[in-house]
N, C-alpha and C. Protein backbone atom coordinates (compact mmCIF):
# COMPACT_ATOMS: atom_id res chain seq x y z
N MET A 1 -81.66 -47.29 0.75
CA MET A 1 -80.67 -47.90 1.60
C MET A 1 -79.86 -46.83 2.35
N LYS A 2 -79.51 -45.73 1.66
CA LYS A 2 -78.76 -44.66 2.30
C LYS A 2 -79.56 -44.04 3.43
N ARG A 3 -80.88 -43.87 3.20
CA ARG A 3 -81.73 -43.30 4.25
C ARG A 3 -81.77 -44.23 5.47
N PHE A 4 -81.88 -45.52 5.21
CA PHE A 4 -81.91 -46.49 6.30
C PHE A 4 -80.63 -46.42 7.12
N LEU A 5 -79.48 -46.37 6.44
CA LEU A 5 -78.20 -46.31 7.15
C LEU A 5 -78.06 -44.99 7.91
N ALA A 6 -78.54 -43.90 7.34
CA ALA A 6 -78.48 -42.61 8.02
C ALA A 6 -79.36 -42.65 9.27
N ALA A 7 -80.56 -43.21 9.14
CA ALA A 7 -81.46 -43.30 10.29
C ALA A 7 -80.88 -44.23 11.36
N LEU A 8 -80.29 -45.33 10.93
CA LEU A 8 -79.67 -46.26 11.87
C LEU A 8 -78.50 -45.59 12.60
N GLY A 9 -77.69 -44.86 11.86
CA GLY A 9 -76.56 -44.15 12.47
C GLY A 9 -77.03 -43.11 13.48
N ALA A 10 -78.07 -42.37 13.14
CA ALA A 10 -78.61 -41.36 14.06
C ALA A 10 -79.17 -42.02 15.31
N THR A 11 -79.87 -43.12 15.14
CA THR A 11 -80.43 -43.83 16.29
C THR A 11 -79.33 -44.35 17.19
N LEU A 12 -78.30 -44.94 16.63
CA LEU A 12 -77.20 -45.46 17.43
C LEU A 12 -76.46 -44.35 18.15
N SER A 13 -76.22 -43.24 17.47
CA SER A 13 -75.50 -42.15 18.12
C SER A 13 -76.32 -41.56 19.26
N MET A 14 -77.63 -41.51 19.13
CA MET A 14 -78.48 -41.03 20.22
C MET A 14 -78.45 -42.02 21.38
N GLY A 15 -78.46 -43.29 21.07
CA GLY A 15 -78.40 -44.31 22.12
C GLY A 15 -77.10 -44.25 22.88
N LEU A 16 -76.00 -44.01 22.19
CA LEU A 16 -74.71 -43.92 22.85
C LEU A 16 -74.59 -42.65 23.66
N ALA A 17 -75.30 -41.61 23.27
CA ALA A 17 -75.22 -40.35 23.99
C ALA A 17 -76.18 -40.30 25.17
N ALA A 18 -77.10 -41.24 25.29
CA ALA A 18 -78.11 -41.21 26.34
C ALA A 18 -77.53 -41.10 27.74
N PRO A 19 -76.47 -41.84 28.11
CA PRO A 19 -75.95 -41.69 29.46
C PRO A 19 -75.47 -40.26 29.75
N ALA A 20 -74.96 -39.58 28.76
CA ALA A 20 -74.51 -38.21 28.96
C ALA A 20 -75.70 -37.29 29.21
N LEU A 21 -76.87 -37.65 28.69
CA LEU A 21 -78.06 -36.85 28.88
C LEU A 21 -78.71 -37.11 30.22
N ALA A 22 -78.21 -38.07 30.98
CA ALA A 22 -78.81 -38.42 32.26
C ALA A 22 -78.74 -37.27 33.24
N GLY A 23 -77.75 -36.43 33.15
CA GLY A 23 -77.65 -35.29 34.05
C GLY A 23 -76.23 -34.80 34.15
N PRO A 24 -76.05 -33.58 34.64
CA PRO A 24 -74.73 -32.97 34.70
C PRO A 24 -73.89 -33.45 35.87
N THR A 25 -74.43 -34.32 36.73
CA THR A 25 -73.74 -34.68 37.96
C THR A 25 -72.71 -35.78 37.79
N GLY A 26 -72.84 -36.59 36.74
CA GLY A 26 -71.98 -37.76 36.63
C GLY A 26 -72.56 -38.92 37.41
N LEU A 27 -73.60 -38.67 38.19
CA LEU A 27 -74.31 -39.70 38.93
C LEU A 27 -75.70 -39.85 38.33
N THR A 28 -76.22 -41.06 38.32
CA THR A 28 -77.56 -41.28 37.79
C THR A 28 -78.48 -41.75 38.91
N VAL A 29 -79.77 -41.63 38.69
CA VAL A 29 -80.76 -42.08 39.66
C VAL A 29 -80.82 -43.59 39.64
N GLY A 30 -80.84 -44.20 40.82
CA GLY A 30 -80.99 -45.64 40.95
C GLY A 30 -82.36 -45.97 41.51
N GLY A 31 -82.68 -47.24 41.60
CA GLY A 31 -83.98 -47.67 42.09
C GLY A 31 -84.23 -47.36 43.55
N LEU A 32 -83.18 -47.09 44.32
CA LEU A 32 -83.33 -46.80 45.74
C LEU A 32 -82.90 -45.37 46.10
N THR A 33 -82.81 -44.50 45.10
CA THR A 33 -82.36 -43.12 45.34
C THR A 33 -83.41 -42.33 46.10
N LEU A 34 -83.00 -41.72 47.21
CA LEU A 34 -83.88 -40.89 48.03
C LEU A 34 -83.68 -39.40 47.77
N GLY A 35 -82.45 -39.02 47.41
CA GLY A 35 -82.13 -37.61 47.18
C GLY A 35 -81.06 -37.47 46.13
N GLY A 36 -81.21 -36.44 45.28
CA GLY A 36 -80.26 -36.23 44.21
C GLY A 36 -80.61 -37.13 43.03
N PRO A 37 -79.70 -37.29 42.12
CA PRO A 37 -78.40 -36.64 42.09
C PRO A 37 -78.54 -35.14 41.85
N ALA A 38 -77.60 -34.42 42.43
CA ALA A 38 -77.61 -32.97 42.32
C ALA A 38 -76.19 -32.44 42.36
N VAL A 39 -76.03 -31.22 41.87
CA VAL A 39 -74.75 -30.53 41.93
C VAL A 39 -74.93 -29.37 42.90
N THR A 40 -73.98 -29.23 43.82
CA THR A 40 -74.07 -28.20 44.85
C THR A 40 -72.76 -27.45 44.96
N THR A 41 -72.84 -26.13 45.09
CA THR A 41 -71.67 -25.30 45.38
C THR A 41 -71.86 -24.74 46.78
N ILE A 42 -70.83 -24.91 47.61
CA ILE A 42 -70.90 -24.49 49.01
C ILE A 42 -69.81 -23.46 49.27
N THR A 43 -70.15 -22.39 49.96
CA THR A 43 -69.16 -21.36 50.27
C THR A 43 -68.19 -21.86 51.34
N ALA A 44 -67.04 -21.22 51.42
CA ALA A 44 -65.97 -21.61 52.35
C ALA A 44 -66.49 -21.70 53.78
N SER A 45 -66.12 -22.77 54.44
CA SER A 45 -66.44 -23.03 55.85
C SER A 45 -67.93 -23.20 56.14
N ALA A 46 -68.76 -23.30 55.12
CA ALA A 46 -70.21 -23.45 55.32
C ALA A 46 -70.61 -24.92 55.30
N THR A 47 -71.73 -25.20 55.95
CA THR A 47 -72.31 -26.54 55.96
C THR A 47 -73.69 -26.48 55.32
N GLU A 48 -73.98 -27.44 54.46
CA GLU A 48 -75.28 -27.50 53.81
C GLU A 48 -75.90 -28.86 54.05
N THR A 49 -77.14 -28.86 54.53
CA THR A 49 -77.88 -30.10 54.70
C THR A 49 -78.53 -30.42 53.36
N VAL A 50 -78.19 -31.59 52.80
CA VAL A 50 -78.71 -31.95 51.49
C VAL A 50 -79.88 -32.93 51.58
N LEU A 51 -80.05 -33.57 52.76
CA LEU A 51 -81.18 -34.47 52.93
C LEU A 51 -81.51 -34.59 54.41
N SER A 52 -82.80 -34.50 54.73
CA SER A 52 -83.29 -34.73 56.09
C SER A 52 -84.42 -35.74 56.00
N ALA A 53 -84.51 -36.63 56.98
CA ALA A 53 -85.54 -37.65 56.99
C ALA A 53 -86.43 -37.49 58.21
N ALA A 54 -87.74 -37.55 58.00
CA ALA A 54 -88.68 -37.46 59.11
C ALA A 54 -88.58 -38.71 59.98
N GLN A 55 -88.38 -39.85 59.35
CA GLN A 55 -88.19 -41.13 60.04
C GLN A 55 -86.79 -41.63 59.72
N PRO A 56 -86.06 -42.18 60.70
CA PRO A 56 -84.72 -42.71 60.42
C PRO A 56 -84.74 -43.75 59.30
N VAL A 57 -83.75 -43.70 58.45
CA VAL A 57 -83.65 -44.62 57.32
C VAL A 57 -82.19 -45.02 57.12
N ASP A 58 -81.96 -46.23 56.66
CA ASP A 58 -80.60 -46.72 56.40
C ASP A 58 -80.18 -46.27 55.00
N VAL A 59 -79.07 -45.51 54.91
CA VAL A 59 -78.69 -44.92 53.63
C VAL A 59 -77.19 -45.04 53.36
N CYS A 60 -76.86 -44.82 52.10
CA CYS A 60 -75.49 -44.59 51.65
C CYS A 60 -75.51 -43.30 50.85
N ALA A 61 -74.57 -42.41 51.16
CA ALA A 61 -74.45 -41.14 50.45
C ALA A 61 -73.17 -41.18 49.63
N THR A 62 -73.25 -40.78 48.38
CA THR A 62 -72.11 -40.73 47.48
C THR A 62 -71.83 -39.29 47.12
N VAL A 63 -70.55 -38.89 47.22
CA VAL A 63 -70.15 -37.52 46.91
C VAL A 63 -68.98 -37.57 45.93
N MET A 64 -69.13 -36.87 44.82
CA MET A 64 -68.04 -36.66 43.86
C MET A 64 -67.57 -35.22 44.06
N ASN A 65 -66.36 -35.06 44.55
CA ASN A 65 -65.82 -33.73 44.80
C ASN A 65 -65.15 -33.22 43.52
N THR A 66 -65.76 -32.24 42.89
CA THR A 66 -65.23 -31.69 41.65
C THR A 66 -64.48 -30.38 41.87
N GLY A 67 -64.39 -29.95 43.13
CA GLY A 67 -63.73 -28.70 43.45
C GLY A 67 -62.28 -28.88 43.85
N MET A 68 -61.69 -27.79 44.35
CA MET A 68 -60.27 -27.77 44.72
C MET A 68 -60.03 -27.99 46.22
N ALA A 69 -61.07 -27.88 47.05
CA ALA A 69 -60.93 -28.07 48.50
C ALA A 69 -61.67 -29.34 48.91
N SER A 70 -61.25 -29.95 50.01
CA SER A 70 -61.94 -31.16 50.47
C SER A 70 -63.30 -30.80 51.05
N VAL A 71 -64.16 -31.81 51.09
CA VAL A 71 -65.52 -31.67 51.60
C VAL A 71 -65.73 -32.76 52.65
N ASP A 72 -66.33 -32.40 53.79
CA ASP A 72 -66.66 -33.38 54.81
C ASP A 72 -68.11 -33.81 54.62
N LEU A 73 -68.32 -35.12 54.49
CA LEU A 73 -69.65 -35.72 54.35
C LEU A 73 -70.01 -36.29 55.72
N THR A 74 -71.09 -35.81 56.32
CA THR A 74 -71.49 -36.24 57.65
C THR A 74 -72.90 -36.83 57.61
N LEU A 75 -73.05 -38.01 58.20
CA LEU A 75 -74.35 -38.66 58.35
C LEU A 75 -74.69 -38.66 59.83
N VAL A 76 -75.86 -38.14 60.19
CA VAL A 76 -76.29 -38.05 61.58
C VAL A 76 -77.53 -38.90 61.76
N GLY A 77 -77.55 -39.62 62.87
CA GLY A 77 -78.69 -40.46 63.23
C GLY A 77 -78.17 -41.63 64.03
N GLY A 78 -78.61 -41.77 65.27
CA GLY A 78 -78.06 -42.81 66.13
C GLY A 78 -76.58 -42.57 66.35
N GLY A 79 -76.20 -41.32 66.43
CA GLY A 79 -74.79 -40.91 66.50
C GLY A 79 -74.45 -40.16 65.24
N SER A 80 -73.18 -39.91 65.06
CA SER A 80 -72.73 -39.14 63.90
C SER A 80 -71.42 -39.72 63.39
N SER A 81 -71.28 -39.76 62.09
CA SER A 81 -70.00 -40.19 61.51
C SER A 81 -69.73 -39.37 60.26
N ALA A 82 -68.44 -39.12 60.01
CA ALA A 82 -68.06 -38.27 58.88
C ALA A 82 -66.90 -38.89 58.13
N VAL A 83 -66.79 -38.52 56.88
CA VAL A 83 -65.67 -38.91 56.04
C VAL A 83 -65.27 -37.68 55.22
N SER A 84 -63.97 -37.50 55.06
CA SER A 84 -63.46 -36.40 54.25
C SER A 84 -63.31 -36.86 52.81
N VAL A 85 -63.79 -36.05 51.87
CA VAL A 85 -63.69 -36.36 50.45
C VAL A 85 -62.70 -35.37 49.84
N PRO A 86 -61.48 -35.84 49.52
CA PRO A 86 -60.46 -34.95 48.96
C PRO A 86 -60.86 -34.41 47.58
N SER A 87 -60.21 -33.35 47.17
CA SER A 87 -60.43 -32.77 45.85
C SER A 87 -60.25 -33.82 44.75
N ARG A 88 -61.19 -33.81 43.81
CA ARG A 88 -61.16 -34.68 42.63
C ARG A 88 -61.29 -36.17 42.96
N LYS A 89 -61.90 -36.48 44.12
CA LYS A 89 -62.11 -37.87 44.53
C LYS A 89 -63.59 -38.10 44.78
N THR A 90 -63.97 -39.38 44.89
CA THR A 90 -65.34 -39.77 45.17
C THR A 90 -65.35 -40.67 46.39
N ALA A 91 -66.35 -40.51 47.25
CA ALA A 91 -66.49 -41.37 48.43
C ALA A 91 -67.95 -41.71 48.65
N THR A 92 -68.17 -42.89 49.20
CA THR A 92 -69.50 -43.32 49.62
C THR A 92 -69.43 -43.63 51.10
N HIS A 93 -70.42 -43.15 51.84
CA HIS A 93 -70.46 -43.35 53.29
C HIS A 93 -71.86 -43.84 53.64
N CYS A 94 -71.95 -44.91 54.44
CA CYS A 94 -73.23 -45.51 54.79
C CYS A 94 -73.48 -45.44 56.28
N ARG A 95 -74.76 -45.37 56.65
CA ARG A 95 -75.13 -45.33 58.07
C ARG A 95 -76.57 -45.81 58.23
N GLN A 96 -76.78 -46.57 59.28
CA GLN A 96 -78.14 -46.98 59.63
C GLN A 96 -78.80 -45.89 60.45
N SER A 97 -80.10 -45.80 60.37
CA SER A 97 -80.91 -44.84 61.13
C SER A 97 -80.52 -43.39 60.89
N MET A 98 -80.20 -43.06 59.64
CA MET A 98 -79.80 -41.70 59.28
C MET A 98 -80.99 -40.76 59.40
N GLN A 99 -80.71 -39.55 59.91
CA GLN A 99 -81.72 -38.50 59.98
C GLN A 99 -81.35 -37.29 59.13
N SER A 100 -80.04 -37.09 58.89
CA SER A 100 -79.65 -35.98 58.01
C SER A 100 -78.29 -36.26 57.37
N VAL A 101 -78.12 -35.68 56.19
CA VAL A 101 -76.86 -35.75 55.44
C VAL A 101 -76.40 -34.31 55.23
N THR A 102 -75.18 -34.01 55.67
CA THR A 102 -74.65 -32.66 55.49
C THR A 102 -73.30 -32.70 54.78
N LEU A 103 -73.01 -31.61 54.09
CA LEU A 103 -71.73 -31.42 53.41
C LEU A 103 -71.11 -30.14 53.95
N THR A 104 -69.84 -30.22 54.36
CA THR A 104 -69.13 -29.05 54.88
C THR A 104 -67.94 -28.75 54.00
N CYS A 105 -67.84 -27.52 53.53
CA CYS A 105 -66.74 -27.08 52.68
C CYS A 105 -65.56 -26.68 53.56
N THR A 106 -64.39 -27.25 53.28
CA THR A 106 -63.20 -26.92 54.08
C THR A 106 -62.37 -25.80 53.47
N ALA A 107 -62.84 -25.22 52.38
CA ALA A 107 -62.12 -24.09 51.77
C ALA A 107 -62.13 -22.91 52.74
N VAL A 108 -61.15 -22.04 52.59
CA VAL A 108 -61.06 -20.86 53.45
C VAL A 108 -61.14 -19.59 52.59
N GLY A 109 -61.40 -18.48 53.26
CA GLY A 109 -61.45 -17.20 52.55
C GLY A 109 -62.62 -17.13 51.60
N THR A 110 -62.32 -16.81 50.35
CA THR A 110 -63.36 -16.67 49.34
C THR A 110 -63.55 -17.93 48.52
N GLY A 111 -62.90 -19.02 48.93
CA GLY A 111 -63.00 -20.28 48.19
C GLY A 111 -64.39 -20.89 48.27
N THR A 112 -64.63 -21.84 47.39
CA THR A 112 -65.89 -22.58 47.39
C THR A 112 -65.59 -24.06 47.16
N CYS A 113 -66.59 -24.87 47.40
CA CYS A 113 -66.50 -26.31 47.12
C CYS A 113 -67.60 -26.67 46.13
N SER A 114 -67.29 -27.55 45.20
CA SER A 114 -68.26 -28.02 44.21
C SER A 114 -68.34 -29.54 44.31
N VAL A 115 -69.56 -30.04 44.46
CA VAL A 115 -69.75 -31.48 44.57
C VAL A 115 -70.99 -31.92 43.82
N ALA A 116 -70.96 -33.18 43.41
CA ALA A 116 -72.16 -33.86 42.93
C ALA A 116 -72.47 -34.89 44.01
N TRP A 117 -73.73 -35.07 44.36
CA TRP A 117 -74.09 -36.00 45.43
C TRP A 117 -75.37 -36.76 45.10
N ARG A 118 -75.50 -37.89 45.79
CA ARG A 118 -76.70 -38.71 45.69
C ARG A 118 -76.82 -39.52 46.97
N VAL A 119 -78.05 -39.74 47.45
CA VAL A 119 -78.29 -40.54 48.65
C VAL A 119 -79.22 -41.68 48.28
N ASP A 120 -78.82 -42.90 48.63
CA ASP A 120 -79.61 -44.10 48.32
C ASP A 120 -79.96 -44.86 49.59
N GLN A 121 -81.14 -45.43 49.60
CA GLN A 121 -81.55 -46.29 50.72
C GLN A 121 -80.84 -47.62 50.60
N MET A 122 -80.34 -48.15 51.73
CA MET A 122 -79.71 -49.47 51.73
C MET A 122 -80.79 -50.53 51.64
N GLN A 123 -80.45 -51.64 51.02
CA GLN A 123 -81.40 -52.76 50.92
C GLN A 123 -81.36 -53.60 52.15
């Protein structure tokens, strides 16, 4: 009986820990995920393209800003639109006919920006 309870306890604790094992980003893969989840560090004033599409696609990009400076999330395709993601905040931005997703670090000097991101296709 003790072995059974020990095995049951170990199984339950592993099951409860499974979401933490999903990845270091705090974001998990969904059924419509096209890119990410990933963690990216960007140098001050730099822009990084995190996803490019050969054919335009309707997407939503989610950014969790874990750094100290804000990050600009820009979706380009059929025009361009951007949203600023303040430090320690999360934002989702959607656009039809997206061709690229970029992140721009607004830190200055030797600062950096740290983000977790994921891009999903809209249904």
